Amino acid sequence: MAERRLRVLVGKPGLDGHDRGAKIIARAFRDAGFEVIYTGLHQTPEQIVSAAIQEDVDCVALSILSGAHNTLLPSVKELLVEKGAADIVLMAGGVIPEDDIPGLKKAGISEVFTPGTSTETIVEWVRTNVTPRA
């Protein structure tokens, strides 16, 4: 039996209204053969986690440009753990200062991509670090 394709949810938490990057990465994931669910703009951490669980995703990729990354990203991770979905890989990208990345990783965000990272690099990271959930 063929292994199922990776399922990735792309989300835009908070009040950030700029979604071009999220749409670009969603398209790159689709072109790489992943199943992609895009939640749209202005999602709460609760909405993102609910969608991730309902859609049985393997990975949540959050795009954030608003500066609220130190609050919103750990909140998503905490909710994943609380809802019994700690095995869903959480990654992020956007305008995130290098100084904030170690704290985000300590909070459970597996990887953080900053502006200028190629879509090929991000897709390869997912292929290497995310496996289909049981």
Protein backbone atom coordinates (compact mmCIF):
# COMPACT_ATOMS: atom_id res chain seq x y z
CA MET A 1 0.00 0.00 0.00
CA ALA A 2 1.31 3.46 -0.86
CA GLU A 3 2.22 5.77 1.97
CA ARG A 4 -0.25 8.61 2.31
CA ARG A 5 0.79 12.09 1.26
CA LEU A 6 1.82 14.59 3.90
CA ARG A 7 -1.03 16.85 4.99
CA VAL A 8 0.02 20.41 5.86
CA LEU A 9 -2.17 23.16 7.25
CA VAL A 10 -1.04 26.69 6.38
CA GLY A 11 -2.40 29.28 8.79
CA LYS A 12 -2.34 33.03 9.39
CA PRO A 13 -2.78 33.66 13.12
CA GLY A 14 -3.85 36.95 14.61
CA LEU A 15 -4.57 40.25 12.96
CA ASP A 16 -1.95 39.95 10.24
CA GLY A 17 -3.69 40.77 6.96
CA HIS A 18 -0.86 40.02 4.54
CA ASP A 19 -1.18 36.52 3.08
CA ARG A 20 0.93 36.56 -0.07
CA GLY A 21 3.72 34.54 1.56
CA ALA A 22 1.27 32.02 2.98
CA LYS A 23 -0.26 31.51 -0.44
CA ILE A 24 3.17 31.12 -2.04
CA ILE A 25 4.22 28.47 0.49
CA ALA A 26 0.84 26.71 0.19
CA ARG A 27 1.37 26.51 -3.58
CA ALA A 28 4.94 25.24 -3.11
CA PHE A 29 3.68 22.53 -0.75
CA ARG A 30 0.97 21.56 -3.24
CA ASP A 31 3.47 21.44 -6.09
CA ALA A 32 5.70 19.22 -3.92
CA GLY A 33 2.87 16.70 -3.67
CA PHE A 34 1.60 17.56 -0.18
CA GLU A 35 -2.08 17.89 0.63
CA VAL A 36 -2.60 21.50 1.72
CA ILE A 37 -5.30 23.08 3.83
CA TYR A 38 -5.22 26.89 4.00
CA THR A 39 -7.21 28.46 6.84
CA GLY A 40 -7.27 32.01 5.54
CA LEU A 41 -6.62 35.27 7.35
CA HIS A 42 -7.26 36.35 10.95
CA GLN A 43 -7.37 32.93 12.59
CA THR A 44 -7.20 32.45 16.33
CA PRO A 45 -4.91 29.79 17.77
CA GLU A 46 -8.05 27.85 18.73
CA GLN A 47 -9.36 27.94 15.15
CA ILE A 48 -6.01 26.80 13.77
CA VAL A 49 -5.69 23.90 16.21
CA SER A 50 -9.30 22.86 15.66
CA ALA A 51 -8.78 22.81 11.88
CA ALA A 52 -5.48 20.91 12.25
CA ILE A 53 -7.16 18.19 14.30
CA GLN A 54 -10.27 18.00 12.11
CA GLU A 55 -8.16 17.77 8.96
CA ASP A 56 -5.79 15.20 10.52
CA VAL A 57 -2.71 17.12 9.40
CA ASP A 58 0.89 16.11 9.95
CA CYS A 59 2.25 19.64 10.11
CA VAL A 60 1.03 23.16 10.82
CA ALA A 61 2.90 25.93 9.01
CA LEU A 62 2.14 29.39 10.36
CA SER A 63 2.90 32.62 8.55
CA ILE A 64 3.19 35.67 10.79
CA LEU A 65 4.25 39.21 10.05
CA SER A 66 2.42 41.11 12.79
CA GLY A 67 5.03 40.93 15.55
CA ALA A 68 2.81 38.79 17.78
CA HIS A 69 4.84 35.63 17.18
CA ASN A 70 6.04 35.30 20.80
CA THR A 71 2.42 35.08 21.96
CA LEU A 72 0.55 33.38 19.12
CA LEU A 73 3.00 30.64 18.15
CA PRO A 74 3.49 29.23 21.68
CA SER A 75 -0.28 29.44 22.17
CA VAL A 76 -0.84 27.20 19.13
CA LYS A 77 1.73 24.70 20.46
CA GLU A 78 0.13 24.69 23.92
CA LEU A 79 -3.29 24.02 22.41
CA LEU A 80 -1.95 21.19 20.25
CA VAL A 81 -0.54 19.56 23.38
CA GLU A 82 -3.72 20.22 25.38
CA LYS A 83 -5.89 18.67 22.64
CA GLY A 84 -3.75 15.52 22.39
CA ALA A 85 -2.11 16.49 19.11
CA ALA A 86 1.44 17.19 20.30
CA ASP A 87 2.75 14.99 17.48
CA ILE A 88 1.65 17.53 14.85
CA VAL A 89 4.82 19.34 13.78
CA LEU A 90 4.57 23.11 14.19
CA MET A 91 6.70 25.38 12.03
CA ALA A 92 6.58 29.08 11.28
CA GLY A 93 7.81 31.68 8.87
CA GLY A 94 7.65 35.40 8.46
CA VAL A 95 9.14 38.53 9.90
CA ILE A 96 10.57 37.08 13.09
CA PRO A 97 13.72 38.58 14.62
CA GLU A 98 16.66 36.16 14.90
CA ASP A 99 16.84 36.91 18.65
CA ASP A 100 13.32 35.52 19.14
CA ILE A 101 13.92 32.20 17.37
CA PRO A 102 15.62 30.33 20.27
CA GLY A 103 12.69 31.12 22.57
CA LEU A 104 10.20 29.97 19.98
CA LYS A 105 12.07 26.71 19.49
CA LYS A 106 12.18 26.23 23.26
CA ALA A 107 8.39 26.70 23.24
CA GLY A 108 8.04 23.82 20.77
CA ILE A 109 8.11 25.42 17.36
CA SER A 110 10.19 22.95 15.35
CA GLU A 111 11.60 25.40 12.82
CA VAL A 112 11.37 29.09 12.01
CA PHE A 113 12.01 30.43 8.52
CA THR A 114 12.83 34.08 7.98
CA PRO A 115 12.40 36.30 4.90
CA GLY A 116 14.52 35.23 1.96
CA THR A 117 14.34 31.50 2.69
CA SER A 118 13.62 29.68 -0.56
CA THR A 119 10.49 27.62 -0.95
CA GLU A 120 12.75 24.71 -1.96
CA THR A 121 14.52 24.90 1.41
CA ILE A 122 11.22 24.90 3.28
CA VAL A 123 9.79 22.00 1.25
CA GLU A 124 12.98 19.98 1.79
CA TRP A 125 12.82 20.67 5.54
CA VAL A 126 9.25 19.34 5.65
CA ARG A 127 10.20 16.24 3.63
CA THR A 128 13.09 15.56 6.01
CA ASN A 129 11.40 16.37 9.33
CA VAL A 130 7.70 15.52 8.97
CA THR A 131 6.27 12.04 8.63
CA PRO A 132 2.64 11.02 8.26
CA ARG A 133 0.96 10.61 11.63
CA ALA A 134 -0.29 7.17 12.60
